[in-house]
Amino acid sequence: MPTLTPQVVSINGLAPTYGAAVASTKVPCGERTFLHVKNAAGSSMTVTLTATAQVRGSTVADTIVTVPATTGDKMIGPLPAELFAGAADGLCSVTYSSTTSVTVAAVRI
């Protein structure tokens, strides 16, 4: 599972580089980190962030975001470690219901 490296926004601006989405990726957690997902396919798709947190012994639900078809564009985040950090690697696990015509960038402000 590849890990997306967050691109840092600066005072001079950032033109993010987007890569083709794959079925699942990982992203470093952070209060200033988010995903920018673009969907150019003819159908909507979902992005799922796997929650790892527990409250009083109950697992917190995964975060599921629907990205609309054709010109769908969603900013998803922040990605706080207390909600999404995996026990083994501290990274947020992300899955995509479809990867056809879907691009993604990890961005940190």
N, C-alpha and C. Protein backbone atom coordinates (compact mmCIF):
# COMPACT_ATOMS: atom_id res chain seq x y z
N MET A 1 0.85 -1.17 0.00
CA MET A 1 0.00 0.00 0.00
C MET A 1 0.90 1.24 0.00
N PRO A 2 0.84 2.06 -1.04
CA PRO A 2 1.71 3.24 -1.11
C PRO A 2 1.31 4.30 -0.07
N THR A 3 2.29 5.10 0.32
CA THR A 3 2.06 6.22 1.24
C THR A 3 2.18 7.51 0.46
N LEU A 4 1.15 8.36 0.56
CA LEU A 4 1.17 9.67 -0.07
C LEU A 4 1.97 10.63 0.80
N THR A 5 2.87 11.37 0.20
CA THR A 5 3.64 12.37 0.92
C THR A 5 2.93 13.71 0.82
N PRO A 6 2.56 14.32 1.95
CA PRO A 6 1.87 15.61 1.88
C PRO A 6 2.75 16.68 1.24
N GLN A 7 2.13 17.46 0.36
CA GLN A 7 2.78 18.60 -0.26
C GLN A 7 2.45 19.82 0.60
N VAL A 8 3.45 20.64 0.87
CA VAL A 8 3.29 21.72 1.83
C VAL A 8 2.91 23.03 1.14
N VAL A 9 1.82 23.63 1.62
CA VAL A 9 1.39 24.94 1.13
C VAL A 9 2.34 25.98 1.72
N SER A 10 2.78 26.92 0.88
CA SER A 10 3.68 27.97 1.36
C SER A 10 3.09 29.34 1.06
N ILE A 11 3.72 30.37 1.58
CA ILE A 11 3.29 31.73 1.35
C ILE A 11 3.32 32.09 -0.14
N ASN A 12 4.15 31.38 -0.90
CA ASN A 12 4.25 31.62 -2.34
C ASN A 12 3.26 30.80 -3.15
N GLY A 13 2.45 30.00 -2.46
CA GLY A 13 1.43 29.20 -3.12
C GLY A 13 1.90 27.78 -3.42
N LEU A 14 0.95 26.94 -3.73
CA LEU A 14 1.23 25.55 -4.08
C LEU A 14 0.31 25.14 -5.22
N ALA A 15 0.88 24.58 -6.26
CA ALA A 15 0.12 23.95 -7.34
C ALA A 15 0.32 22.45 -7.12
N PRO A 16 -0.60 21.79 -6.38
CA PRO A 16 -0.39 20.40 -6.03
C PRO A 16 -0.23 19.49 -7.24
N THR A 17 0.57 18.46 -7.06
CA THR A 17 0.71 17.41 -8.05
C THR A 17 -0.23 16.28 -7.64
N TYR A 18 -1.08 15.87 -8.57
CA TYR A 18 -2.05 14.82 -8.30
C TYR A 18 -1.58 13.52 -8.94
N GLY A 19 -1.86 12.42 -8.25
CA GLY A 19 -1.53 11.11 -8.78
C GLY A 19 -2.79 10.28 -8.92
N ALA A 20 -2.74 9.29 -9.77
CA ALA A 20 -3.89 8.39 -9.94
C ALA A 20 -4.14 7.64 -8.64
N ALA A 21 -5.39 7.59 -8.24
CA ALA A 21 -5.75 6.85 -7.03
C ALA A 21 -5.56 5.36 -7.26
N VAL A 22 -5.16 4.65 -6.22
CA VAL A 22 -5.10 3.20 -6.23
C VAL A 22 -6.09 2.72 -5.17
N ALA A 23 -6.41 1.46 -5.14
CA ALA A 23 -7.46 0.94 -4.26
C ALA A 23 -7.30 1.37 -2.81
N SER A 24 -6.07 1.39 -2.32
CA SER A 24 -5.84 1.82 -0.94
C SER A 24 -4.47 2.48 -0.82
N THR A 25 -4.42 3.50 0.03
CA THR A 25 -3.18 4.23 0.28
C THR A 25 -3.09 4.54 1.77
N LYS A 26 -1.96 5.09 2.14
CA LYS A 26 -1.78 5.58 3.51
C LYS A 26 -1.31 7.02 3.42
N VAL A 27 -1.63 7.78 4.47
CA VAL A 27 -1.27 9.19 4.53
C VAL A 27 -0.81 9.49 5.95
N PRO A 28 0.27 10.26 6.12
CA PRO A 28 0.65 10.66 7.47
C PRO A 28 -0.49 11.46 8.12
N CYS A 29 -0.76 11.17 9.37
CA CYS A 29 -1.79 11.90 10.10
C CYS A 29 -1.28 13.29 10.45
N GLY A 30 -2.21 14.20 10.69
CA GLY A 30 -1.84 15.53 11.14
C GLY A 30 -3.02 16.47 11.16
N GLU A 31 -3.00 17.38 12.11
CA GLU A 31 -4.07 18.37 12.23
C GLU A 31 -4.09 19.35 11.06
N ARG A 32 -3.00 19.41 10.30
CA ARG A 32 -2.93 20.32 9.16
C ARG A 32 -2.81 19.57 7.83
N THR A 33 -3.13 18.27 7.87
CA THR A 33 -3.02 17.44 6.67
C THR A 33 -4.41 17.06 6.17
N PHE A 34 -4.58 17.11 4.86
CA PHE A 34 -5.85 16.70 4.27
C PHE A 34 -5.62 16.10 2.89
N LEU A 35 -6.66 15.46 2.37
CA LEU A 35 -6.63 14.89 1.03
C LEU A 35 -7.48 15.74 0.11
N HIS A 36 -7.03 15.89 -1.13
CA HIS A 36 -7.83 16.53 -2.16
C HIS A 36 -8.09 15.47 -3.21
N VAL A 37 -9.34 15.07 -3.33
CA VAL A 37 -9.73 13.99 -4.24
C VAL A 37 -10.56 14.58 -5.37
N LYS A 38 -10.18 14.24 -6.62
CA LYS A 38 -10.91 14.68 -7.80
C LYS A 38 -11.43 13.46 -8.55
N ASN A 39 -12.70 13.52 -8.92
CA ASN A 39 -13.34 12.41 -9.60
C ASN A 39 -13.86 12.87 -10.96
N ALA A 40 -13.26 12.39 -12.04
CA ALA A 40 -13.70 12.75 -13.39
C ALA A 40 -14.53 11.63 -14.02
N ALA A 41 -14.80 10.57 -13.28
CA ALA A 41 -15.57 9.44 -13.80
C ALA A 41 -17.05 9.79 -13.90
N GLY A 42 -17.80 8.97 -14.60
CA GLY A 42 -19.22 9.20 -14.79
C GLY A 42 -20.09 8.81 -13.62
N SER A 43 -19.50 8.22 -12.58
CA SER A 43 -20.25 7.81 -11.39
C SER A 43 -19.59 8.37 -10.14
N SER A 44 -20.39 8.62 -9.12
CA SER A 44 -19.81 9.06 -7.85
C SER A 44 -19.02 7.90 -7.24
N MET A 45 -18.16 8.23 -6.32
CA MET A 45 -17.36 7.21 -5.64
C MET A 45 -17.19 7.63 -4.18
N THR A 46 -16.71 6.71 -3.35
CA THR A 46 -16.51 7.04 -1.95
C THR A 46 -15.05 6.86 -1.54
N VAL A 47 -14.66 7.69 -0.58
CA VAL A 47 -13.35 7.61 0.04
C VAL A 47 -13.60 7.25 1.49
N THR A 48 -12.92 6.21 1.98
CA THR A 48 -13.10 5.77 3.36
C THR A 48 -11.80 5.94 4.12
N LEU A 49 -11.88 6.67 5.24
CA LEU A 49 -10.75 6.81 6.16
C LEU A 49 -11.01 5.85 7.31
N THR A 50 -10.09 4.93 7.53
CA THR A 50 -10.27 3.92 8.56
C THR A 50 -10.00 4.52 9.95
N ALA A 51 -11.03 4.52 10.78
CA ALA A 51 -10.90 5.04 12.14
C ALA A 51 -10.24 3.99 13.03
N THR A 52 -9.37 4.44 13.91
CA THR A 52 -8.70 3.53 14.83
C THR A 52 -9.02 3.88 16.28
N ALA A 53 -9.72 4.99 16.50
CA ALA A 53 -10.00 5.47 17.84
C ALA A 53 -11.09 4.63 18.52
N GLN A 54 -11.05 4.67 19.84
CA GLN A 54 -12.09 4.05 20.64
C GLN A 54 -12.54 5.04 21.71
N VAL A 55 -13.83 5.04 21.97
CA VAL A 55 -14.40 5.85 23.03
C VAL A 55 -15.14 4.92 23.97
N ARG A 56 -14.67 4.84 25.21
CA ARG A 56 -15.28 3.97 26.22
C ARG A 56 -15.42 2.53 25.72
N GLY A 57 -14.40 2.07 25.01
CA GLY A 57 -14.38 0.70 24.54
C GLY A 57 -15.08 0.45 23.22
N SER A 58 -15.75 1.47 22.68
CA SER A 58 -16.44 1.31 21.40
C SER A 58 -15.62 1.96 20.29
N THR A 59 -15.50 1.24 19.20
CA THR A 59 -14.74 1.75 18.06
C THR A 59 -15.50 2.88 17.39
N VAL A 60 -14.78 3.93 17.04
CA VAL A 60 -15.35 5.05 16.32
C VAL A 60 -15.58 4.61 14.87
N ALA A 61 -16.66 5.09 14.27
CA ALA A 61 -16.99 4.71 12.89
C ALA A 61 -15.98 5.31 11.90
N ASP A 62 -15.74 4.58 10.82
CA ASP A 62 -14.91 5.09 9.74
C ASP A 62 -15.56 6.35 9.17
N THR A 63 -14.75 7.20 8.58
CA THR A 63 -15.26 8.39 7.89
C THR A 63 -15.41 8.03 6.42
N ILE A 64 -16.61 8.23 5.89
CA ILE A 64 -16.89 7.91 4.49
C ILE A 64 -17.37 9.18 3.80
N VAL A 65 -16.67 9.56 2.73
CA VAL A 65 -16.98 10.78 2.00
C VAL A 65 -17.33 10.42 0.56
N THR A 66 -18.46 10.91 0.07
CA THR A 66 -18.86 10.68 -1.31
C THR A 66 -18.34 11.82 -2.18
N VAL A 67 -17.66 11.44 -3.26
CA VAL A 67 -17.15 12.42 -4.23
C VAL A 67 -18.04 12.33 -5.46
N PRO A 68 -18.72 13.43 -5.83
CA PRO A 68 -19.64 13.40 -6.96
C PRO A 68 -18.97 13.01 -8.28
N ALA A 69 -19.80 12.62 -9.24
CA ALA A 69 -19.33 12.23 -10.57
C ALA A 69 -18.90 13.44 -11.39
N THR A 70 -18.14 13.16 -12.42
CA THR A 70 -17.74 14.05 -13.50
C THR A 70 -16.80 15.17 -13.08
N THR A 71 -17.26 16.10 -12.29
CA THR A 71 -16.39 17.19 -11.83
C THR A 71 -16.29 17.19 -10.31
N GLY A 72 -16.45 16.02 -9.72
CA GLY A 72 -16.41 15.90 -8.26
C GLY A 72 -15.06 16.29 -7.71
N ASP A 73 -15.09 16.99 -6.60
CA ASP A 73 -13.89 17.57 -6.02
C ASP A 73 -14.13 17.70 -4.53
N LYS A 74 -13.38 16.98 -3.69
CA LYS A 74 -13.57 17.07 -2.25
C LYS A 74 -12.24 17.24 -1.54
N MET A 75 -12.23 18.15 -0.57
CA MET A 75 -11.13 18.30 0.36
C MET A 75 -11.55 17.53 1.61
N ILE A 76 -10.72 16.61 2.06
CA ILE A 76 -11.07 15.75 3.19
C ILE A 76 -10.01 15.91 4.28
N GLY A 77 -10.41 16.33 5.44
CA GLY A 77 -9.47 16.49 6.54
C GLY A 77 -9.96 17.52 7.52
N PRO A 78 -9.20 17.77 8.55
CA PRO A 78 -7.87 17.25 8.83
C PRO A 78 -7.89 15.77 9.21
N LEU A 79 -6.71 15.19 9.33
CA LEU A 79 -6.55 13.77 9.62
C LEU A 79 -5.85 13.58 10.97
N PRO A 80 -6.56 13.85 12.07
CA PRO A 80 -5.91 13.77 13.38
C PRO A 80 -5.49 12.35 13.76
N ALA A 81 -4.32 12.24 14.34
CA ALA A 81 -3.77 10.94 14.73
C ALA A 81 -4.67 10.22 15.71
N GLU A 82 -5.30 10.96 16.63
CA GLU A 82 -6.14 10.30 17.64
C GLU A 82 -7.36 9.60 17.03
N LEU A 83 -7.72 9.95 15.80
CA LEU A 83 -8.82 9.27 15.12
C LEU A 83 -8.36 8.22 14.13
N PHE A 84 -7.24 8.47 13.45
CA PHE A 84 -6.90 7.65 12.28
C PHE A 84 -5.55 6.93 12.31
N ALA A 85 -4.68 7.19 13.27
CA ALA A 85 -3.34 6.59 13.26
C ALA A 85 -3.40 5.08 13.48
N GLY A 86 -2.84 4.35 12.54
CA GLY A 86 -2.75 2.90 12.68
C GLY A 86 -1.77 2.52 13.77
N ALA A 87 -2.05 1.47 14.50
CA ALA A 87 -1.20 1.05 15.62
C ALA A 87 0.21 0.68 15.18
N ALA A 88 0.34 0.05 14.02
CA ALA A 88 1.64 -0.44 13.57
C ALA A 88 2.52 0.65 12.97
N ASP A 89 1.91 1.63 12.28
CA ASP A 89 2.73 2.60 11.55
C ASP A 89 2.38 4.06 11.79
N GLY A 90 1.29 4.33 12.51
CA GLY A 90 0.90 5.71 12.79
C GLY A 90 0.30 6.45 11.61
N LEU A 91 0.01 5.72 10.53
CA LEU A 91 -0.52 6.34 9.31
C LEU A 91 -2.02 6.14 9.20
N CYS A 92 -2.67 7.02 8.45
CA CYS A 92 -4.10 6.91 8.16
C CYS A 92 -4.29 6.03 6.92
N SER A 93 -5.13 5.01 7.03
CA SER A 93 -5.43 4.13 5.90
C SER A 93 -6.64 4.67 5.15
N VAL A 94 -6.50 4.76 3.82
CA VAL A 94 -7.54 5.32 2.96
C VAL A 94 -7.86 4.33 1.86
N THR A 95 -9.15 4.09 1.61
CA THR A 95 -9.55 3.24 0.49
C THR A 95 -10.51 4.02 -0.40
N TYR A 96 -10.52 3.65 -1.67
CA TYR A 96 -11.33 4.30 -2.69
C TYR A 96 -12.24 3.26 -3.32
N SER A 97 -13.53 3.56 -3.42
CA SER A 97 -14.48 2.59 -3.98
C SER A 97 -14.26 2.40 -5.48
N SER A 98 -13.68 3.39 -6.11
CA SER A 98 -13.36 3.33 -7.53
C SER A 98 -12.09 4.15 -7.75
N THR A 99 -11.28 3.74 -8.69
CA THR A 99 -10.08 4.51 -9.00
C THR A 99 -10.05 5.00 -10.44
N THR A 100 -11.07 4.64 -11.21
CA THR A 100 -11.15 5.07 -12.60
C THR A 100 -11.35 6.57 -12.68
N SER A 101 -10.42 7.27 -13.30
CA SER A 101 -10.48 8.72 -13.48
C SER A 101 -10.50 9.48 -12.15
N VAL A 102 -9.88 8.89 -11.12
CA VAL A 102 -9.80 9.53 -9.80
C VAL A 102 -8.35 9.89 -9.52
N THR A 103 -8.12 11.13 -9.12
CA THR A 103 -6.77 11.57 -8.76
C THR A 103 -6.81 12.13 -7.34
N VAL A 104 -5.66 12.09 -6.69
CA VAL A 104 -5.59 12.50 -5.29
C VAL A 104 -4.26 13.15 -4.99
N ALA A 105 -4.29 14.08 -4.05
CA ALA A 105 -3.07 14.71 -3.54
C ALA A 105 -3.22 14.86 -2.03
N ALA A 106 -2.14 14.63 -1.31
CA ALA A 106 -2.10 14.91 0.13
C ALA A 106 -1.47 16.29 0.28
N VAL A 107 -2.10 17.14 1.09
CA VAL A 107 -1.64 18.51 1.24
C VAL A 107 -1.57 18.85 2.73
N ARG A 108 -0.54 19.61 3.10
CA ARG A 108 -0.39 20.06 4.48
C ARG A 108 -0.27 21.58 4.49
N ILE A 109 -1.07 22.20 5.35
CA ILE A 109 -0.99 23.66 5.48
C ILE A 109 -0.23 24.05 6.74
